[in-house]
C-alpha cells in the first residue's frame, strides 16, 4: 500500500471510531435508576436524590464504623433508620448492646477510607427507594486481648468490609430500612 492510502485509511478509521457520545447515549456513572423493564438510566453524582441518599449512608457509616470506648455517642445510628427498623433496634436494644460491647472490649476503631461502588435508584410500591453498595476500611487502634484474639488480629491491624444499604425516601428524607454487612477481610 502506498503511504497516502495508509494515511487515508487511518483517518477514516479515526472518524468512524471518534470519541464522543452519539445522540441518546448516556455517560456511564456509578449512579443509575432502573425502570420496570430493568433498563438503566445513568444519573450524575450531583443529582439531588443521589446526594441526599449518600448523605444518609455516610452518616450511618461514620457513626457505625468509628468506635471509641472512651467517648459517649458510639453507634448513634438511630436517626438514619426508617421507622420500622428503628423500632426493631429500640425493642432489641441493639445500640445499647453494641455500646456495652465497645466499652467491655475497650475498643477504638477508626474508619480510614470508604468507596461507594454504586447507587441504584428505583420505585418500590410507588415510593422512591435506593440501594447503596459500599466498602470501607477500618484500623483497630486498641482493644482487649480477648477481643483481638477472637478475631485473630492485633492492635494496629486493618480490615475491610462491605455494606449494602436499602433506603426509602420518607417525609423526613432518606432513611435506611435494611443494612447488610459483609464478612471482615483482614488487610495484610
N, C-alpha and C. Protein backbone atom coordinates (compact mmCIF):
# COMPACT_ATOMS: atom_id res chain seq x y z
N UNK A 1 0.84 -1.18 0.00
CA UNK A 1 0.00 0.00 0.00
C UNK A 1 0.88 1.24 0.00
N UNK A 2 0.35 2.24 -0.62
CA UNK A 2 1.08 3.49 -0.67
C UNK A 2 0.84 4.26 0.61
N UNK A 3 1.73 5.17 0.87
CA UNK A 3 1.68 5.98 2.08
C UNK A 3 0.37 6.77 2.15
N UNK A 4 -0.09 7.31 1.02
CA UNK A 4 -1.32 8.09 1.00
C UNK A 4 -2.52 7.22 1.37
N UNK A 5 -2.54 5.98 0.86
CA UNK A 5 -3.64 5.07 1.16
C UNK A 5 -3.67 4.72 2.65
N UNK A 6 -2.51 4.51 3.23
CA UNK A 6 -2.44 4.21 4.66
C UNK A 6 -2.94 5.39 5.49
N UNK A 7 -2.53 6.58 5.12
CA UNK A 7 -2.97 7.78 5.85
C UNK A 7 -4.48 7.92 5.72
N UNK A 8 -5.01 7.72 4.50
CA UNK A 8 -6.45 7.83 4.28
C UNK A 8 -7.21 6.80 5.13
N UNK A 9 -6.74 5.55 5.17
CA UNK A 9 -7.40 4.50 5.96
C UNK A 9 -7.34 4.82 7.45
N UNK A 10 -6.21 5.34 7.90
CA UNK A 10 -6.08 5.70 9.31
C UNK A 10 -7.05 6.81 9.66
N UNK A 11 -7.17 7.81 8.80
CA UNK A 11 -8.09 8.91 9.06
C UNK A 11 -9.54 8.43 9.04
N UNK A 12 -9.87 7.55 8.10
CA UNK A 12 -11.23 7.02 8.03
C UNK A 12 -11.56 6.22 9.29
N UNK A 13 -10.62 5.43 9.74
CA UNK A 13 -10.82 4.65 10.97
C UNK A 13 -11.01 5.57 12.16
N UNK A 14 -10.23 6.63 12.24
CA UNK A 14 -10.36 7.59 13.34
C UNK A 14 -11.74 8.25 13.31
N UNK A 15 -12.23 8.59 12.13
CA UNK A 15 -13.55 9.21 12.02
C UNK A 15 -14.65 8.24 12.44
N UNK A 16 -14.51 7.00 12.05
CA UNK A 16 -15.53 6.00 12.41
C UNK A 16 -15.56 5.69 13.89
N UNK A 17 -14.42 5.78 14.56
CA UNK A 17 -14.34 5.44 15.99
C UNK A 17 -14.08 6.67 16.83
N UNK A 18 -14.47 7.83 16.34
CA UNK A 18 -14.18 9.09 17.04
C UNK A 18 -14.79 9.06 18.43
N UNK A 19 -14.09 9.74 19.35
CA UNK A 19 -14.58 9.84 20.73
C UNK A 19 -15.83 10.69 20.74
N UNK A 20 -16.61 10.52 21.77
CA UNK A 20 -17.82 11.31 21.92
C UNK A 20 -19.02 10.38 21.96
N UNK A 21 -20.11 10.95 22.37
CA UNK A 21 -21.32 10.15 22.52
C UNK A 21 -22.24 10.41 21.35
N UNK A 22 -22.85 9.37 20.86
CA UNK A 22 -23.87 9.55 19.84
C UNK A 22 -25.13 10.06 20.52
N UNK A 23 -26.04 10.57 19.72
CA UNK A 23 -27.27 11.11 20.29
C UNK A 23 -28.01 10.02 21.04
N UNK A 24 -28.44 10.30 22.26
CA UNK A 24 -29.16 9.33 23.07
C UNK A 24 -28.26 8.46 23.94
N UNK A 25 -26.95 8.47 23.70
CA UNK A 25 -26.03 7.67 24.51
C UNK A 25 -25.81 8.36 25.84
N UNK A 26 -25.73 7.59 26.92
CA UNK A 26 -25.59 8.14 28.26
C UNK A 26 -24.16 8.00 28.76
N UNK A 27 -23.77 8.93 29.63
CA UNK A 27 -22.48 8.80 30.30
C UNK A 27 -22.68 7.79 31.43
N UNK A 28 -21.85 6.78 31.46
CA UNK A 28 -21.96 5.74 32.47
C UNK A 28 -21.38 6.26 33.78
N UNK A 29 -22.16 6.17 34.85
CA UNK A 29 -21.71 6.58 36.18
C UNK A 29 -22.03 5.45 37.16
N UNK A 30 -21.64 5.63 38.41
CA UNK A 30 -21.94 4.63 39.44
C UNK A 30 -23.36 4.78 39.98
N UNK A 31 -24.08 5.77 39.48
CA UNK A 31 -25.44 6.05 39.95
C UNK A 31 -26.41 5.84 38.80
N UNK A 32 -27.48 5.14 39.07
CA UNK A 32 -28.44 4.91 37.99
C UNK A 32 -29.82 4.61 38.54
N UNK A 33 -30.81 4.79 37.70
CA UNK A 33 -32.17 4.38 38.01
C UNK A 33 -32.47 3.14 37.18
N UNK A 34 -33.39 2.36 37.66
CA UNK A 34 -33.81 1.16 36.94
C UNK A 34 -35.32 1.25 36.77
N UNK A 35 -35.78 1.12 35.52
CA UNK A 35 -37.22 1.18 35.30
C UNK A 35 -37.83 -0.21 35.43
N UNK A 36 -39.12 -0.30 35.22
CA UNK A 36 -39.84 -1.55 35.41
C UNK A 36 -39.36 -2.65 34.47
N UNK A 37 -38.77 -2.26 33.34
CA UNK A 37 -38.25 -3.23 32.38
C UNK A 37 -36.79 -3.60 32.66
N UNK A 38 -36.23 -3.04 33.74
CA UNK A 38 -34.85 -3.35 34.10
C UNK A 38 -33.81 -2.53 33.34
N UNK A 39 -34.25 -1.51 32.62
CA UNK A 39 -33.32 -0.67 31.86
C UNK A 39 -32.71 0.39 32.78
N UNK A 40 -31.41 0.62 32.61
CA UNK A 40 -30.71 1.61 33.42
C UNK A 40 -30.71 2.98 32.73
N UNK A 41 -30.87 4.01 33.55
CA UNK A 41 -30.64 5.38 33.13
C UNK A 41 -29.63 5.94 34.12
N UNK A 42 -28.48 6.34 33.62
CA UNK A 42 -27.41 6.82 34.49
C UNK A 42 -27.67 8.25 34.90
N UNK A 43 -27.35 8.54 36.16
CA UNK A 43 -27.54 9.89 36.70
C UNK A 43 -26.24 10.36 37.33
N UNK A 44 -26.08 11.66 37.43
CA UNK A 44 -24.81 12.24 37.88
C UNK A 44 -24.67 12.18 39.40
N UNK A 45 -23.43 12.36 39.84
CA UNK A 45 -23.13 12.38 41.28
C UNK A 45 -23.80 13.54 41.99
N UNK A 46 -24.09 14.62 41.28
CA UNK A 46 -24.68 15.77 41.94
C UNK A 46 -26.21 15.84 41.80
N UNK A 47 -26.82 14.74 41.36
CA UNK A 47 -28.27 14.65 41.35
C UNK A 47 -28.77 14.79 42.79
N UNK A 48 -29.80 15.58 42.99
CA UNK A 48 -30.31 15.89 44.34
C UNK A 48 -30.66 14.63 45.15
N UNK A 49 -31.32 13.66 44.52
CA UNK A 49 -31.71 12.44 45.23
C UNK A 49 -30.49 11.57 45.56
N UNK A 50 -29.54 11.50 44.65
CA UNK A 50 -28.32 10.73 44.89
C UNK A 50 -27.54 11.34 46.05
N UNK A 51 -27.39 12.66 46.03
CA UNK A 51 -26.66 13.36 47.10
C UNK A 51 -27.32 13.10 48.45
N UNK A 52 -28.65 13.23 48.51
CA UNK A 52 -29.37 13.05 49.78
C UNK A 52 -29.25 11.61 50.28
N UNK A 53 -29.38 10.62 49.39
CA UNK A 53 -29.26 9.22 49.79
C UNK A 53 -27.84 8.92 50.28
N UNK A 54 -26.83 9.44 49.59
CA UNK A 54 -25.43 9.24 50.01
C UNK A 54 -25.16 9.89 51.36
N UNK A 55 -25.74 11.05 51.62
CA UNK A 55 -25.55 11.71 52.92
C UNK A 55 -26.07 10.83 54.05
N UNK A 56 -27.23 10.22 53.86
CA UNK A 56 -27.78 9.31 54.87
C UNK A 56 -26.85 8.12 55.05
N UNK A 57 -26.39 7.54 53.94
CA UNK A 57 -25.49 6.38 54.01
C UNK A 57 -24.20 6.73 54.73
N UNK A 58 -23.63 7.89 54.43
CA UNK A 58 -22.36 8.28 55.05
C UNK A 58 -22.54 8.63 56.53
N UNK A 59 -23.66 9.23 56.89
CA UNK A 59 -23.92 9.50 58.30
C UNK A 59 -24.01 8.20 59.09
N UNK A 60 -24.71 7.23 58.54
CA UNK A 60 -24.82 5.92 59.17
C UNK A 60 -23.45 5.26 59.28
N UNK A 61 -22.72 5.21 58.15
CA UNK A 61 -21.42 4.53 58.14
C UNK A 61 -20.45 5.16 59.12
N UNK A 62 -20.36 6.47 59.13
CA UNK A 62 -19.44 7.17 60.03
C UNK A 62 -19.74 6.83 61.48
N UNK A 63 -21.01 6.82 61.84
CA UNK A 63 -21.39 6.52 63.22
C UNK A 63 -21.29 5.04 63.54
N UNK A 64 -21.38 4.19 62.54
CA UNK A 64 -21.27 2.75 62.77
C UNK A 64 -19.81 2.30 62.84
N UNK A 65 -18.99 2.77 61.92
CA UNK A 65 -17.63 2.24 61.77
C UNK A 65 -16.62 2.83 62.76
N UNK A 66 -16.83 4.04 63.21
CA UNK A 66 -15.91 4.67 64.16
C UNK A 66 -16.38 4.37 65.58
N UNK A 67 -15.49 3.74 66.34
CA UNK A 67 -15.85 3.35 67.71
C UNK A 67 -14.74 3.80 68.67
N UNK A 68 -15.15 4.33 69.82
CA UNK A 68 -14.18 4.76 70.82
C UNK A 68 -14.80 4.61 72.20
N UNK A 69 -14.33 3.61 72.92
CA UNK A 69 -14.92 3.29 74.23
C UNK A 69 -14.75 4.42 75.24
N UNK A 70 -13.83 5.36 75.00
CA UNK A 70 -13.59 6.45 75.95
C UNK A 70 -14.57 7.61 75.76
N UNK A 71 -15.39 7.55 74.72
CA UNK A 71 -16.29 8.66 74.41
C UNK A 71 -17.74 8.19 74.41
N UNK A 72 -18.62 9.13 74.69
CA UNK A 72 -20.05 8.89 74.55
C UNK A 72 -20.40 8.99 73.06
N UNK A 73 -21.53 8.47 72.68
CA UNK A 73 -22.01 8.68 71.33
C UNK A 73 -21.62 7.62 70.32
N UNK A 74 -21.11 6.48 70.78
CA UNK A 74 -20.83 5.39 69.84
C UNK A 74 -22.14 4.84 69.30
N UNK A 75 -22.11 4.46 68.04
CA UNK A 75 -23.25 3.80 67.39
C UNK A 75 -24.51 4.67 67.39
N UNK A 76 -24.37 5.95 67.18
CA UNK A 76 -25.53 6.85 67.11
C UNK A 76 -26.13 6.75 65.71
N UNK A 77 -26.72 5.60 65.42
CA UNK A 77 -27.22 5.32 64.07
C UNK A 77 -28.74 5.45 63.95
N UNK A 78 -29.44 5.54 65.06
CA UNK A 78 -30.91 5.55 65.02
C UNK A 78 -31.50 6.66 64.14
N UNK A 79 -30.92 7.88 64.12
CA UNK A 79 -31.52 8.93 63.28
C UNK A 79 -31.50 8.61 61.78
N UNK A 80 -30.69 7.66 61.36
CA UNK A 80 -30.57 7.32 59.95
C UNK A 80 -31.49 6.17 59.53
N UNK A 81 -32.20 5.60 60.50
CA UNK A 81 -33.02 4.42 60.23
C UNK A 81 -34.49 4.77 59.98
N UNK A 82 -35.12 4.02 59.09
CA UNK A 82 -36.55 4.14 58.85
C UNK A 82 -37.30 3.68 60.10
N UNK A 83 -38.52 4.13 60.25
CA UNK A 83 -39.30 3.87 61.46
C UNK A 83 -39.33 2.40 61.87
N UNK A 84 -39.64 1.52 60.93
CA UNK A 84 -39.77 0.09 61.28
C UNK A 84 -38.45 -0.48 61.80
N UNK A 85 -37.34 -0.19 61.12
CA UNK A 85 -36.04 -0.70 61.55
C UNK A 85 -35.62 -0.05 62.87
N UNK A 86 -35.87 1.25 63.02
CA UNK A 86 -35.52 1.94 64.27
C UNK A 86 -36.29 1.32 65.44
N UNK A 87 -37.57 1.02 65.24
CA UNK A 87 -38.38 0.40 66.29
C UNK A 87 -37.80 -0.97 66.67
N UNK A 88 -37.41 -1.76 65.68
CA UNK A 88 -36.81 -3.07 65.95
C UNK A 88 -35.52 -2.90 66.75
N UNK A 89 -34.66 -1.97 66.34
CA UNK A 89 -33.41 -1.73 67.08
C UNK A 89 -33.68 -1.29 68.51
N UNK A 90 -34.69 -0.44 68.68
CA UNK A 90 -35.01 0.03 70.03
C UNK A 90 -35.56 -1.11 70.89
N UNK A 91 -36.44 -1.94 70.33
CA UNK A 91 -37.01 -3.05 71.09
C UNK A 91 -35.95 -4.07 71.50
N UNK A 92 -34.99 -4.29 70.64
CA UNK A 92 -33.92 -5.26 70.94
C UNK A 92 -32.72 -4.62 71.62
N UNK A 93 -32.77 -3.31 71.83
CA UNK A 93 -31.68 -2.55 72.44
C UNK A 93 -30.35 -2.80 71.68
N UNK A 94 -30.43 -2.86 70.38
CA UNK A 94 -29.27 -3.16 69.54
C UNK A 94 -28.13 -2.17 69.79
N UNK A 95 -28.46 -0.88 69.81
CA UNK A 95 -27.43 0.13 70.00
C UNK A 95 -26.82 0.00 71.40
N UNK A 96 -27.64 -0.18 72.42
CA UNK A 96 -27.14 -0.31 73.79
C UNK A 96 -26.22 -1.52 73.95
N UNK A 97 -26.60 -2.64 73.35
CA UNK A 97 -25.76 -3.85 73.43
C UNK A 97 -24.42 -3.60 72.74
N UNK A 98 -24.45 -2.95 71.57
CA UNK A 98 -23.20 -2.65 70.87
C UNK A 98 -22.33 -1.66 71.66
N UNK A 99 -22.96 -0.67 72.26
CA UNK A 99 -22.20 0.30 73.07
C UNK A 99 -21.54 -0.39 74.27
N UNK A 100 -22.26 -1.32 74.89
CA UNK A 100 -21.69 -2.06 76.02
C UNK A 100 -20.51 -2.91 75.56
N UNK A 101 -20.63 -3.55 74.41
CA UNK A 101 -19.52 -4.36 73.87
C UNK A 101 -18.30 -3.49 73.59
N UNK A 102 -18.52 -2.30 73.04
CA UNK A 102 -17.42 -1.38 72.75
C UNK A 102 -16.69 -1.04 74.05
N UNK A 103 -17.44 -0.76 75.11
CA UNK A 103 -16.82 -0.45 76.41
C UNK A 103 -16.12 -1.67 76.99
N UNK A 104 -16.78 -2.83 76.99
CA UNK A 104 -16.19 -4.04 77.57
C UNK A 104 -14.91 -4.47 76.86
N UNK A 105 -14.88 -4.30 75.55
CA UNK A 105 -13.69 -4.69 74.77
C UNK A 105 -12.68 -3.55 74.66
N UNK A 106 -12.97 -2.42 75.31
CA UNK A 106 -12.09 -1.25 75.28
C UNK A 106 -11.65 -0.96 73.84
N UNK A 107 -12.64 -0.91 72.99
CA UNK A 107 -12.43 -0.85 71.55
C UNK A 107 -12.33 0.58 71.03
N UNK A 108 -11.29 0.82 70.24
CA UNK A 108 -11.17 2.05 69.46
C UNK A 108 -10.85 1.62 68.03
N UNK A 109 -11.79 1.92 67.14
CA UNK A 109 -11.62 1.65 65.71
C UNK A 109 -11.89 2.94 64.94
N UNK A 110 -11.08 3.18 63.93
CA UNK A 110 -11.24 4.38 63.11
C UNK A 110 -11.39 3.98 61.65
N UNK A 111 -12.42 4.52 61.01
CA UNK A 111 -12.59 4.30 59.58
C UNK A 111 -11.54 5.12 58.84
N UNK A 112 -10.78 4.43 57.98
CA UNK A 112 -9.73 5.11 57.22
C UNK A 112 -10.21 5.59 55.86
N UNK A 113 -11.03 4.78 55.21
CA UNK A 113 -11.49 5.14 53.87
C UNK A 113 -12.77 4.39 53.56
N UNK A 114 -13.42 4.85 52.51
CA UNK A 114 -14.62 4.17 52.03
C UNK A 114 -14.72 4.40 50.53
N UNK A 115 -15.49 3.54 49.89
CA UNK A 115 -15.75 3.69 48.46
C UNK A 115 -17.18 3.25 48.19
N UNK A 116 -17.93 4.13 47.56
CA UNK A 116 -19.29 3.78 47.15
C UNK A 116 -19.19 3.18 45.75
N UNK A 117 -19.56 1.91 45.64
CA UNK A 117 -19.49 1.23 44.35
C UNK A 117 -20.62 1.66 43.43
N UNK A 118 -21.84 1.74 43.97
CA UNK A 118 -22.95 2.20 43.16
C UNK A 118 -24.11 2.66 44.03
N UNK A 119 -24.96 3.48 43.41
CA UNK A 119 -26.23 3.90 43.99
C UNK A 119 -27.29 3.57 42.94
N UNK A 120 -28.20 2.68 43.29
CA UNK A 120 -29.28 2.29 42.38
C UNK A 120 -30.58 2.88 42.90
N UNK A 121 -31.20 3.74 42.12
CA UNK A 121 -32.47 4.37 42.49
C UNK A 121 -33.58 3.62 41.76
N UNK A 122 -34.72 3.44 42.43
CA UNK A 122 -35.84 2.75 41.82
C UNK A 122 -37.11 3.09 42.59
N UNK A 123 -38.22 2.59 42.12
CA UNK A 123 -39.50 2.78 42.79
C UNK A 123 -39.95 1.45 43.36
N UNK A 124 -40.33 1.44 44.63
CA UNK A 124 -40.80 0.23 45.29
C UNK A 124 -42.17 0.52 45.89
N UNK A 125 -43.18 -0.19 45.40
CA UNK A 125 -44.56 0.03 45.85
C UNK A 125 -44.96 1.50 45.72
N UNK A 126 -44.51 2.13 44.64
CA UNK A 126 -44.87 3.51 44.36
C UNK A 126 -44.05 4.55 45.10
N UNK A 127 -43.08 4.12 45.90
CA UNK A 127 -42.26 5.05 46.67
C UNK A 127 -40.81 5.01 46.19
N UNK A 128 -40.13 6.16 46.15
CA UNK A 128 -38.71 6.16 45.77
C UNK A 128 -37.89 5.34 46.76
N UNK A 129 -36.96 4.55 46.22
CA UNK A 129 -36.09 3.71 47.05
C UNK A 129 -34.70 3.71 46.41
N UNK A 130 -33.71 3.25 47.18
CA UNK A 130 -32.34 3.20 46.67
C UNK A 130 -31.58 2.07 47.36
N UNK A 131 -30.65 1.49 46.63
CA UNK A 131 -29.68 0.55 47.19
C UNK A 131 -28.31 1.20 47.03
N UNK A 132 -27.55 1.19 48.10
CA UNK A 132 -26.18 1.72 48.05
C UNK A 132 -25.25 0.61 48.50
N UNK A 133 -24.28 0.30 47.64
CA UNK A 133 -23.29 -0.73 47.95
C UNK A 133 -21.96 -0.02 48.14
N UNK A 134 -21.32 -0.26 49.29
CA UNK A 134 -20.04 0.39 49.56
C UNK A 134 -19.11 -0.54 50.31
N UNK A 135 -17.85 -0.16 50.33
CA UNK A 135 -16.86 -0.88 51.13
C UNK A 135 -16.10 0.16 51.94
N UNK A 136 -15.58 -0.28 53.07
CA UNK A 136 -14.83 0.64 53.92
C UNK A 136 -13.70 -0.10 54.62
N UNK A 137 -12.69 0.67 55.00
CA UNK A 137 -11.52 0.12 55.68
C UNK A 137 -11.42 0.74 57.07
N UNK A 138 -11.14 -0.10 58.05
CA UNK A 138 -11.06 0.33 59.45
C UNK A 138 -9.73 -0.15 60.03
N UNK A 139 -9.16 0.67 60.91
CA UNK A 139 -7.98 0.25 61.67
C UNK A 139 -8.39 0.08 63.13
N UNK A 140 -7.99 -1.04 63.72
CA UNK A 140 -8.21 -1.27 65.15
C UNK A 140 -7.05 -0.61 65.87
N UNK A 141 -7.34 0.45 66.60
CA UNK A 141 -6.27 1.15 67.32
C UNK A 141 -5.96 0.46 68.64
N UNK A 142 -7.01 0.05 69.34
CA UNK A 142 -6.81 -0.65 70.61
C UNK A 142 -8.04 -1.48 70.94
N UNK A 143 -7.81 -2.55 71.67
CA UNK A 143 -8.90 -3.42 72.14
C UNK A 143 -8.29 -4.40 73.14
N UNK A 144 -9.16 -5.08 73.87
CA UNK A 144 -8.68 -6.08 74.82
C UNK A 144 -8.07 -7.26 74.07
N UNK A 145 -7.19 -7.97 74.75
CA UNK A 145 -6.57 -9.15 74.14
C UNK A 145 -7.61 -10.21 73.79
N UNK A 146 -8.62 -10.34 74.63
CA UNK A 146 -9.67 -11.33 74.37
C UNK A 146 -10.38 -11.03 73.05
N UNK A 147 -10.69 -9.76 72.84
CA UNK A 147 -11.37 -9.36 71.59
C UNK A 147 -10.45 -9.59 70.39
N UNK A 148 -9.23 -9.12 70.50
CA UNK A 148 -8.29 -9.26 69.38
C UNK A 148 -8.02 -10.72 69.04
N UNK A 149 -7.85 -11.56 70.06
CA UNK A 149 -7.57 -12.97 69.78
C UNK A 149 -8.79 -13.67 69.18
N UNK A 150 -10.00 -13.23 69.56
CA UNK A 150 -11.21 -13.82 68.97
C UNK A 150 -11.30 -13.52 67.47
N UNK A 151 -10.68 -12.43 67.05
CA UNK A 151 -10.66 -12.07 65.63
C UNK A 151 -9.41 -12.57 64.91
N UNK A 152 -8.42 -12.99 65.70
CA UNK A 152 -7.14 -13.36 65.10
C UNK A 152 -6.40 -12.13 64.59
N UNK A 153 -6.56 -11.02 65.29
CA UNK A 153 -5.96 -9.76 64.86
C UNK A 153 -5.18 -9.13 66.01
N UNK A 154 -4.47 -8.06 65.70
CA UNK A 154 -3.70 -7.31 66.69
C UNK A 154 -4.05 -5.83 66.58
N UNK A 155 -3.76 -5.10 67.65
CA UNK A 155 -3.92 -3.65 67.60
C UNK A 155 -3.07 -3.13 66.45
N UNK A 156 -3.63 -2.20 65.68
CA UNK A 156 -2.94 -1.65 64.52
C UNK A 156 -3.33 -2.33 63.21
N UNK A 157 -3.94 -3.51 63.31
CA UNK A 157 -4.37 -4.21 62.09
C UNK A 157 -5.54 -3.47 61.45
N UNK A 158 -5.67 -3.70 60.15
CA UNK A 158 -6.74 -3.08 59.38
C UNK A 158 -7.59 -4.18 58.75
N UNK A 159 -8.85 -3.86 58.55
CA UNK A 159 -9.73 -4.78 57.85
C UNK A 159 -10.68 -4.01 56.95
N UNK A 160 -11.23 -4.73 55.99
CA UNK A 160 -12.16 -4.17 55.04
C UNK A 160 -13.49 -4.91 55.15
N UNK A 161 -14.58 -4.18 54.99
CA UNK A 161 -15.91 -4.77 55.00
C UNK A 161 -16.74 -4.15 53.90
N UNK A 162 -17.75 -4.88 53.48
CA UNK A 162 -18.73 -4.31 52.56
C UNK A 162 -20.03 -4.08 53.32
N UNK A 163 -20.80 -3.14 52.80
CA UNK A 163 -22.07 -2.79 53.43
C UNK A 163 -23.06 -2.47 52.32
N UNK A 164 -24.20 -3.12 52.36
CA UNK A 164 -25.29 -2.82 51.43
C UNK A 164 -26.42 -2.20 52.23
N UNK A 165 -26.83 -1.03 51.81
CA UNK A 165 -27.91 -0.32 52.49
C UNK A 165 -29.10 -0.19 51.55
N UNK A 166 -30.27 -0.49 52.06
CA UNK A 166 -31.51 -0.27 51.33
C UNK A 166 -32.20 0.91 51.99
N UNK A 167 -32.50 1.91 51.19
CA UNK A 167 -33.09 3.15 51.71
C UNK A 167 -34.45 3.41 51.10
N UNK A 168 -35.25 4.17 51.83
CA UNK A 168 -36.53 4.63 51.33
C UNK A 168 -36.61 6.13 51.54
N UNK A 169 -37.28 6.81 50.62
CA UNK A 169 -37.44 8.25 50.72
C UNK A 169 -38.72 8.51 51.52
N UNK A 170 -38.55 9.03 52.73
CA UNK A 170 -39.67 9.27 53.62
C UNK A 170 -39.95 10.77 53.71
N UNK A 171 -40.97 11.14 54.47
CA UNK A 171 -41.25 12.56 54.70
C UNK A 171 -40.09 13.24 55.41
N UNK A 172 -39.29 12.47 56.14
CA UNK A 172 -38.14 13.01 56.88
C UNK A 172 -36.85 12.91 56.08
N UNK A 173 -36.93 12.54 54.82
CA UNK A 173 -35.75 12.36 53.98
C UNK A 173 -35.42 10.89 53.82
N UNK A 174 -34.25 10.61 53.26
CA UNK A 174 -33.84 9.23 53.01
C UNK A 174 -33.50 8.54 54.33
N UNK A 175 -34.06 7.34 54.53
CA UNK A 175 -33.84 6.55 55.74
C UNK A 175 -33.53 5.11 55.35
N UNK A 176 -32.74 4.45 56.17
CA UNK A 176 -32.31 3.07 55.90
C UNK A 176 -33.35 2.11 56.46
N UNK A 177 -33.79 1.17 55.60
CA UNK A 177 -34.73 0.15 56.09
C UNK A 177 -34.10 -1.23 56.16
N UNK A 178 -32.86 -1.35 55.67
CA UNK A 178 -32.13 -2.61 55.81
C UNK A 178 -30.64 -2.34 55.61
N UNK A 179 -29.82 -2.96 56.47
CA UNK A 179 -28.37 -2.85 56.36
C UNK A 179 -27.79 -4.26 56.42
N UNK A 180 -27.02 -4.61 55.40
CA UNK A 180 -26.40 -5.94 55.34
C UNK A 180 -24.89 -5.78 55.32
N UNK A 181 -24.24 -6.34 56.32
CA UNK A 181 -22.80 -6.20 56.49
C UNK A 181 -22.09 -7.45 56.00
N UNK A 182 -21.05 -7.26 55.19
CA UNK A 182 -20.26 -8.37 54.69
C UNK A 182 -19.22 -8.82 55.69
N UNK A 183 -18.59 -9.94 55.43
CA UNK A 183 -17.57 -10.51 56.32
C UNK A 183 -16.35 -9.59 56.41
N UNK A 184 -15.67 -9.68 57.53
CA UNK A 184 -14.45 -8.90 57.76
C UNK A 184 -13.31 -9.55 56.95
N UNK A 185 -12.58 -8.72 56.20
CA UNK A 185 -11.44 -9.19 55.41
C UNK A 185 -10.19 -8.48 55.94
N UNK A 186 -9.29 -9.23 56.58
CA UNK A 186 -8.08 -8.64 57.14
C UNK A 186 -7.17 -8.18 56.01
N UNK A 187 -6.64 -6.97 56.16
CA UNK A 187 -5.73 -6.42 55.16
C UNK A 187 -4.31 -6.61 55.68
N UNK A 188 -3.50 -7.30 54.94
CA UNK A 188 -2.10 -7.56 55.34
C UNK A 188 -1.18 -6.56 54.72
